[in-house]
Structures are given as structure tokens and as C-alpha cells.
Amino acid sequence: MINRAGKESAHDEWLTAADVIAEVRVPRSTFYRWRQLGIGPRSVKLPNGDVRIRRSWLDGWLRNLAKDAA
């Protein structure tokens, strides 16, 4: 979550790629294609290869999609 100062809070949870895929309801291949094209939510790749997305990053990305659609 982002606080009033625009900083991420300590309670901002890390989501797995599977969490995001389930929430956004897209195929796994679509999510990874979005990452490759740089049009998906901000994410980090851990040293073991796993991908994580902060809840605030996903929420912000979804808000921007909604603004663009309006």
C-alpha cells in the first residue's frame, strides 16, 4: 500500500505470479507476454527465478488501465 507521502508501506504484500494471474483472470502465457513487452504490472524476478509483484504495483496498474479505458 502507498501511504500519503507516496511511499510503500511495510504492510504492502508480495504477490506471486499465480496470485496475479488468478486475480486478473488471464492465461499464464498472457501475463508473461505482458512482462516481456513491458506492459504488465511492475514486477521483480527473484534469484531463484520466481516473480513477485507488490499489491500496490498491481493496484496502481489496474487503476491506470481503468483511467485509459474511460
PDB file of N, CA and C in Angstrom:
ATOM      1  N   MET A   1       0.831  -1.177   0.000  1.00  0.00           N
ATOM      2  CA  MET A   1       0.000   0.000   0.000  1.00  0.00           C
ATOM      3  C   MET A   1       0.877   1.242   0.000  1.00  0.00           C
ATOM      4  N   ILE A   2       0.344   2.271  -0.547  1.00  0.00           N
ATOM      5  CA  ILE A   2       1.110   3.509  -0.594  1.00  0.00           C
ATOM      6  C   ILE A   2       0.502   4.484   0.394  1.00  0.00           C
ATOM      7  N   ASN A   3       1.359   5.058   1.239  1.00  0.00           N
ATOM      8  CA  ASN A   3       0.858   5.993   2.232  1.00  0.00           C
ATOM      9  C   ASN A   3       0.705   7.381   1.622  1.00  0.00           C
ATOM     10  N   ARG A   4       0.272   8.324   2.423  1.00  0.00           N
ATOM     11  CA  ARG A   4       0.003   9.670   1.918  1.00  0.00           C
ATOM     12  C   ARG A   4       1.231  10.345   1.330  1.00  0.00           C
ATOM     13  N   ALA A   5       2.402   9.968   1.783  1.00  0.00           N
ATOM     14  CA  ALA A   5       3.633  10.562   1.271  1.00  0.00           C
ATOM     15  C   ALA A   5       4.073   9.905  -0.036  1.00  0.00           C
ATOM     16  N   GLY A   6       3.281   8.937  -0.529  1.00  0.00           N
ATOM     17  CA  GLY A   6       3.615   8.255  -1.775  1.00  0.00           C
ATOM     18  C   GLY A   6       4.631   7.134  -1.616  1.00  0.00           C
ATOM     19  N   LYS A   7       4.926   6.757  -0.375  1.00  0.00           N
ATOM     20  CA  LYS A   7       5.892   5.693  -0.099  1.00  0.00           C
ATOM     21  C   LYS A   7       5.168   4.388   0.166  1.00  0.00           C
ATOM     22  N   GLU A   8       5.817   3.286  -0.196  1.00  0.00           N
ATOM     23  CA  GLU A   8       5.228   1.977   0.052  1.00  0.00           C
ATOM     24  C   GLU A   8       5.274   1.678   1.549  1.00  0.00           C
ATOM     25  N   SER A   9       4.206   1.123   2.068  1.00  0.00           N
ATOM     26  CA  SER A   9       4.175   0.792   3.493  1.00  0.00           C
ATOM     27  C   SER A   9       4.762  -0.599   3.715  1.00  0.00           C
ATOM     28  N   ALA A  10       5.108  -0.877   4.943  1.00  0.00           N
ATOM     29  CA  ALA A  10       5.678  -2.173   5.292  1.00  0.00           C
ATOM     30  C   ALA A  10       4.645  -3.287   5.156  1.00  0.00           C
ATOM     31  N   HIS A  11       3.366  -2.936   5.081  1.00  0.00           N
ATOM     32  CA  HIS A  11       2.306  -3.939   5.005  1.00  0.00           C
ATOM     33  C   HIS A  11       1.921  -4.275   3.560  1.00  0.00           C
ATOM     34  N   ASP A  12       2.636  -3.732   2.604  1.00  0.00           N
ATOM     35  CA  ASP A  12       2.363  -3.992   1.191  1.00  0.00           C
ATOM     36  C   ASP A  12       2.790  -5.424   0.879  1.00  0.00           C
ATOM     37  N   GLU A  13       1.825  -6.297   0.630  1.00  0.00           N
ATOM     38  CA  GLU A  13       2.145  -7.708   0.448  1.00  0.00           C
ATOM     39  C   GLU A  13       2.762  -7.996  -0.916  1.00  0.00           C
ATOM     40  N   TRP A  14       3.576  -9.041  -0.956  1.00  0.00           N
ATOM     41  CA  TRP A  14       4.159  -9.528  -2.197  1.00  0.00           C
ATOM     42  C   TRP A  14       3.247 -10.617  -2.750  1.00  0.00           C
ATOM     43  N   LEU A  15       2.867 -10.499  -4.000  1.00  0.00           N
ATOM     44  CA  LEU A  15       2.034 -11.488  -4.670  1.00  0.00           C
ATOM     45  C   LEU A  15       2.895 -12.331  -5.597  1.00  0.00           C
ATOM     46  N   THR A  16       2.508 -13.570  -5.780  1.00  0.00           N
ATOM     47  CA  THR A  16       3.182 -14.418  -6.762  1.00  0.00           C
ATOM     48  C   THR A  16       2.545 -14.168  -8.124  1.00  0.00           C
ATOM     49  N   ALA A  17       3.216 -14.632  -9.161  1.00  0.00           N
ATOM     50  CA  ALA A  17       2.641 -14.523 -10.498  1.00  0.00           C
ATOM     51  C   ALA A  17       1.297 -15.257 -10.540  1.00  0.00           C
ATOM     52  N   ALA A  18       1.209 -16.397  -9.879  1.00  0.00           N
ATOM     53  CA  ALA A  18      -0.038 -17.164  -9.853  1.00  0.00           C
ATOM     54  C   ALA A  18      -1.164 -16.368  -9.186  1.00  0.00           C
ATOM     55  N   ASP A  19      -0.841 -15.622  -8.130  1.00  0.00           N
ATOM     56  CA  ASP A  19      -1.841 -14.774  -7.466  1.00  0.00           C
ATOM     57  C   ASP A  19      -2.398 -13.739  -8.439  1.00  0.00           C
ATOM     58  N   VAL A  20      -1.501 -13.082  -9.163  1.00  0.00           N
ATOM     59  CA  VAL A  20      -1.902 -12.028 -10.097  1.00  0.00           C
ATOM     60  C   VAL A  20      -2.692 -12.617 -11.261  1.00  0.00           C
ATOM     61  N   ILE A  21      -2.234 -13.723 -11.788  1.00  0.00           N
ATOM     62  CA  ILE A  21      -2.924 -14.385 -12.897  1.00  0.00           C
ATOM     63  C   ILE A  21      -4.350 -14.753 -12.494  1.00  0.00           C
ATOM     64  N   ALA A  22      -4.522 -15.266 -11.285  1.00  0.00           N
ATOM     65  CA  ALA A  22      -5.855 -15.633 -10.796  1.00  0.00           C
ATOM     66  C   ALA A  22      -6.726 -14.399 -10.603  1.00  0.00           C
ATOM     67  N   GLU A  23      -6.150 -13.327 -10.077  1.00  0.00           N
ATOM     68  CA  GLU A  23      -6.934 -12.122  -9.818  1.00  0.00           C
ATOM     69  C   GLU A  23      -7.346 -11.413 -11.108  1.00  0.00           C
ATOM     70  N   VAL A  24      -6.424 -11.339 -12.064  1.00  0.00           N
ATOM     71  CA  VAL A  24      -6.702 -10.639 -13.315  1.00  0.00           C
ATOM     72  C   VAL A  24      -7.445 -11.553 -14.304  1.00  0.00           C
ATOM     73  N   ARG A  25      -7.384 -12.841 -14.038  1.00  0.00           N
ATOM     74  CA  ARG A  25      -8.082 -13.849 -14.853  1.00  0.00           C
ATOM     75  C   ARG A  25      -7.608 -13.860 -16.302  1.00  0.00           C
ATOM     76  N   VAL A  26      -6.295 -14.014 -16.446  1.00  0.00           N
ATOM     77  CA  VAL A  26      -5.703 -14.166 -17.772  1.00  0.00           C
ATOM     78  C   VAL A  26      -4.869 -15.439 -17.776  1.00  0.00           C
ATOM     79  N   PRO A  27      -4.629 -15.996 -18.961  1.00  0.00           N
ATOM     80  CA  PRO A  27      -3.744 -17.168 -19.023  1.00  0.00           C
ATOM     81  C   PRO A  27      -2.318 -16.806 -18.592  1.00  0.00           C
ATOM     82  N   ARG A  28      -1.620 -17.786 -18.092  1.00  0.00           N
ATOM     83  CA  ARG A  28      -0.231 -17.600 -17.660  1.00  0.00           C
ATOM     84  C   ARG A  28       0.611 -17.015 -18.793  1.00  0.00           C
ATOM     85  N   SER A  29       0.413 -17.529 -19.998  1.00  0.00           N
ATOM     86  CA  SER A  29       1.195 -17.056 -21.148  1.00  0.00           C
ATOM     87  C   SER A  29       0.968 -15.573 -21.415  1.00  0.00           C
ATOM     88  N   THR A  30      -0.256 -15.100 -21.197  1.00  0.00           N
ATOM     89  CA  THR A  30      -0.562 -13.676 -21.394  1.00  0.00           C
ATOM     90  C   THR A  30       0.190 -12.834 -20.375  1.00  0.00           C
ATOM     91  N   PHE A  31       0.169 -13.238 -19.118  1.00  0.00           N
ATOM     92  CA  PHE A  31       0.880 -12.497 -18.079  1.00  0.00           C
ATOM     93  C   PHE A  31       2.368 -12.377 -18.418  1.00  0.00           C
ATOM     94  N   TYR A  32       2.987 -13.482 -18.798  1.00  0.00           N
ATOM     95  CA  TYR A  32       4.416 -13.447 -19.098  1.00  0.00           C
ATOM     96  C   TYR A  32       4.712 -12.692 -20.393  1.00  0.00           C
ATOM     97  N   ARG A  33       3.794 -12.706 -21.331  1.00  0.00           N
ATOM     98  CA  ARG A  33       3.963 -11.888 -22.554  1.00  0.00           C
ATOM     99  C   ARG A  33       3.897 -10.410 -22.194  1.00  0.00           C
ATOM    100  N   TRP A  34       2.948 -10.026 -21.324  1.00  0.00           N
ATOM    101  CA  TRP A  34       2.868  -8.638 -20.857  1.00  0.00           C
ATOM    102  C   TRP A  34       4.167  -8.225 -20.192  1.00  0.00           C
ATOM    103  N   ARG A  35       4.744  -9.109 -19.371  1.00  0.00           N
ATOM    104  CA  ARG A  35       6.026  -8.795 -18.718  1.00  0.00           C
ATOM    105  C   ARG A  35       7.107  -8.579 -19.760  1.00  0.00           C
ATOM    106  N   GLN A  36       7.177  -9.457 -20.746  1.00  0.00           N
ATOM    107  CA  GLN A  36       8.195  -9.369 -21.782  1.00  0.00           C
ATOM    108  C   GLN A  36       8.065  -8.071 -22.578  1.00  0.00           C
ATOM    109  N   LEU A  37       6.824  -7.657 -22.842  1.00  0.00           N
ATOM    110  CA  LEU A  37       6.575  -6.432 -23.608  1.00  0.00           C
ATOM    111  C   LEU A  37       6.654  -5.170 -22.753  1.00  0.00           C
ATOM    112  N   GLY A  38       6.728  -5.343 -21.430  1.00  0.00           N
ATOM    113  CA  GLY A  38       6.801  -4.202 -20.529  1.00  0.00           C
ATOM    114  C   GLY A  38       5.475  -3.487 -20.338  1.00  0.00           C
ATOM    115  N   ILE A  39       4.359  -4.197 -20.561  1.00  0.00           N
ATOM    116  CA  ILE A  39       3.037  -3.573 -20.421  1.00  0.00           C
ATOM    117  C   ILE A  39       2.238  -4.133 -19.248  1.00  0.00           C
ATOM    118  N   GLY A  40       2.816  -5.065 -18.527  1.00  0.00           N
ATOM    119  CA  GLY A  40       2.140  -5.638 -17.361  1.00  0.00           C
ATOM    120  C   GLY A  40       2.469  -4.853 -16.110  1.00  0.00           C
ATOM    121  N   PRO A  41       1.969  -5.316 -14.984  1.00  0.00           N
ATOM    122  CA  PRO A  41       2.288  -4.639 -13.726  1.00  0.00           C
ATOM    123  C   PRO A  41       3.779  -4.774 -13.419  1.00  0.00           C
ATOM    124  N   ARG A  42       4.306  -3.793 -12.726  1.00  0.00           N
ATOM    125  CA  ARG A  42       5.703  -3.824 -12.311  1.00  0.00           C
ATOM    126  C   ARG A  42       5.954  -5.097 -11.513  1.00  0.00           C
ATOM    127  N   SER A  43       7.116  -5.703 -11.704  1.00  0.00           N
ATOM    128  CA  SER A  43       7.425  -6.951 -11.016  1.00  0.00           C
ATOM    129  C   SER A  43       8.933  -7.068 -10.821  1.00  0.00           C
ATOM    130  N   VAL A  44       9.309  -7.988  -9.976  1.00  0.00           N
ATOM    131  CA  VAL A  44      10.722  -8.301  -9.764  1.00  0.00           C
ATOM    132  C   VAL A  44      10.918  -9.799  -9.920  1.00  0.00           C
ATOM    133  N   LYS A  45      12.085 -10.149 -10.428  1.00  0.00           N
ATOM    134  CA  LYS A  45      12.432 -11.560 -10.562  1.00  0.00           C
ATOM    135  C   LYS A  45      13.455 -11.885  -9.480  1.00  0.00           C
ATOM    136  N   LEU A  46      13.124 -12.838  -8.646  1.00  0.00           N
ATOM    137  CA  LEU A  46      13.996 -13.242  -7.551  1.00  0.00           C
ATOM    138  C   LEU A  46      15.150 -14.091  -8.085  1.00  0.00           C
ATOM    139  N   PRO A  47      16.231 -14.228  -7.325  1.00  0.00           N
ATOM    140  CA  PRO A  47      17.370 -15.041  -7.780  1.00  0.00           C
ATOM    141  C   PRO A  47      17.001 -16.487  -8.143  1.00  0.00           C
ATOM    142  N   ASN A  48      15.939 -17.020  -7.530  1.00  0.00           N
ATOM    143  CA  ASN A  48      15.537 -18.389  -7.857  1.00  0.00           C
ATOM    144  C   ASN A  48      14.632 -18.452  -9.095  1.00  0.00           C
ATOM    145  N   GLY A  49      14.362 -17.289  -9.729  1.00  0.00           N
ATOM    146  CA  GLY A  49      13.552 -17.247 -10.944  1.00  0.00           C
ATOM    147  C   GLY A  49      12.090 -16.930 -10.716  1.00  0.00           C
ATOM    148  N   ASP A  50      11.646 -16.970  -9.465  1.00  0.00           N
ATOM    149  CA  ASP A  50      10.250 -16.641  -9.171  1.00  0.00           C
ATOM    150  C   ASP A  50       9.999 -15.150  -9.393  1.00  0.00           C
ATOM    151  N   VAL A  51       8.771 -14.831  -9.756  1.00  0.00           N
ATOM    152  CA  VAL A  51       8.369 -13.442  -9.988  1.00  0.00           C
ATOM    153  C   VAL A  51       7.466 -13.003  -8.838  1.00  0.00           C
ATOM    154  N   ARG A  52       7.670 -11.772  -8.362  1.00  0.00           N
ATOM    155  CA  ARG A  52       6.824 -11.210  -7.313  1.00  0.00           C
ATOM    156  C   ARG A  52       6.358  -9.824  -7.722  1.00  0.00           C
ATOM    157  N   ILE A  53       5.132  -9.507  -7.318  1.00  0.00           N
ATOM    158  CA  ILE A  53       4.511  -8.222  -7.627  1.00  0.00           C
ATOM    159  C   ILE A  53       3.950  -7.663  -6.323  1.00  0.00           C
ATOM    160  N   ARG A  54       4.289  -6.439  -5.994  1.00  0.00           N
ATOM    161  CA  ARG A  54       3.712  -5.814  -4.799  1.00  0.00           C
ATOM    162  C   ARG A  54       2.238  -5.522  -5.062  1.00  0.00           C
ATOM    163  N   ARG A  55       1.417  -5.667  -4.045  1.00  0.00           N
ATOM    164  CA  ARG A  55      -0.016  -5.380  -4.145  1.00  0.00           C
ATOM    165  C   ARG A  55      -0.231  -3.962  -4.672  1.00  0.00           C
ATOM    166  N   SER A  56       0.534  -2.997  -4.179  1.00  0.00           N
ATOM    167  CA  SER A  56       0.364  -1.607  -4.610  1.00  0.00           C
ATOM    168  C   SER A  56       0.702  -1.430  -6.090  1.00  0.00           C
ATOM    169  N   TRP A  57       1.676  -2.191  -6.595  1.00  0.00           N
ATOM    170  CA  TRP A  57       2.023  -2.106  -8.017  1.00  0.00           C
ATOM    171  C   TRP A  57       0.867  -2.616  -8.870  1.00  0.00           C
ATOM    172  N   LEU A  58       0.286  -3.745  -8.461  1.00  0.00           N
ATOM    173  CA  LEU A  58      -0.837  -4.308  -9.214  1.00  0.00           C
ATOM    174  C   LEU A  58      -2.040  -3.373  -9.163  1.00  0.00           C
ATOM    175  N   ASP A  59      -2.356  -2.859  -7.978  1.00  0.00           N
ATOM    176  CA  ASP A  59      -3.496  -1.951  -7.841  1.00  0.00           C
ATOM    177  C   ASP A  59      -3.304  -0.693  -8.676  1.00  0.00           C
ATOM    178  N   GLY A  60      -2.103  -0.136  -8.678  1.00  0.00           N
ATOM    179  CA  GLY A  60      -1.821   1.054  -9.481  1.00  0.00           C
ATOM    180  C   GLY A  60      -1.933   0.778 -10.967  1.00  0.00           C
ATOM    181  N   TRP A  61      -1.439  -0.370 -11.399  1.00  0.00           N
ATOM    182  CA  TRP A  61      -1.516  -0.765 -12.803  1.00  0.00           C
ATOM    183  C   TRP A  61      -2.984  -0.904 -13.235  1.00  0.00           C
ATOM    184  N   LEU A  62      -3.794  -1.542 -12.392  1.00  0.00           N
ATOM    185  CA  LEU A  62      -5.218  -1.701 -12.703  1.00  0.00           C
ATOM    186  C   LEU A  62      -5.936  -0.352 -12.743  1.00  0.00           C
ATOM    187  N   ARG A  63      -5.590   0.559 -11.822  1.00  0.00           N
ATOM    188  CA  ARG A  63      -6.182   1.903 -11.840  1.00  0.00           C
ATOM    189  C   ARG A  63      -5.848   2.632 -13.135  1.00  0.00           C
ATOM    190  N   ASN A  64      -4.594   2.504 -13.585  1.00  0.00           N
ATOM    191  CA  ASN A  64      -4.201   3.159 -14.837  1.00  0.00           C
ATOM    192  C   ASN A  64      -4.942   2.573 -16.032  1.00  0.00           C
ATOM    193  N   LEU A  65      -5.185   1.276 -16.034  1.00  0.00           N
ATOM    194  CA  LEU A  65      -5.955   0.654 -17.114  1.00  0.00           C
ATOM    195  C   LEU A  65      -7.372   1.215 -17.131  1.00  0.00           C
ATOM    196  N   ALA A  66      -7.954   1.382 -15.947  1.00  0.00           N
ATOM    197  CA  ALA A  66      -9.308   1.900 -15.842  1.00  0.00           C
ATOM    198  C   ALA A  66      -9.367   3.347 -16.340  1.00  0.00           C
ATOM    199  N   LYS A  67      -8.345   4.154 -16.004  1.00  0.00           N
ATOM    200  CA  LYS A  67      -8.304   5.538 -16.473  1.00  0.00           C
ATOM    201  C   LYS A  67      -8.206   5.600 -17.989  1.00  0.00           C
ATOM    202  N   ASP A  68      -7.360   4.730 -18.559  1.00  0.00           N
ATOM    203  CA  ASP A  68      -7.176   4.713 -20.010  1.00  0.00           C
ATOM    204  C   ASP A  68      -8.447   4.287 -20.739  1.00  0.00           C
ATOM    205  N   ALA A  69      -9.257   3.448 -20.089  1.00  0.00           N
ATOM    206  CA  ALA A  69     -10.495   2.958 -20.705  1.00  0.00           C
ATOM    207  C   ALA A  69     -11.615   3.996 -20.621  1.00  0.00           C
ATOM    208  N   ALA A  70     -11.488   4.932 -19.716  1.00  0.00           N
ATOM    209  CA  ALA A  70     -12.562   5.927 -19.508  1.00  0.00           C
ATOM    210  C   ALA A  70     -12.545   7.009 -20.567  1.00  0.00           C
TER     211      ALA A  70
END
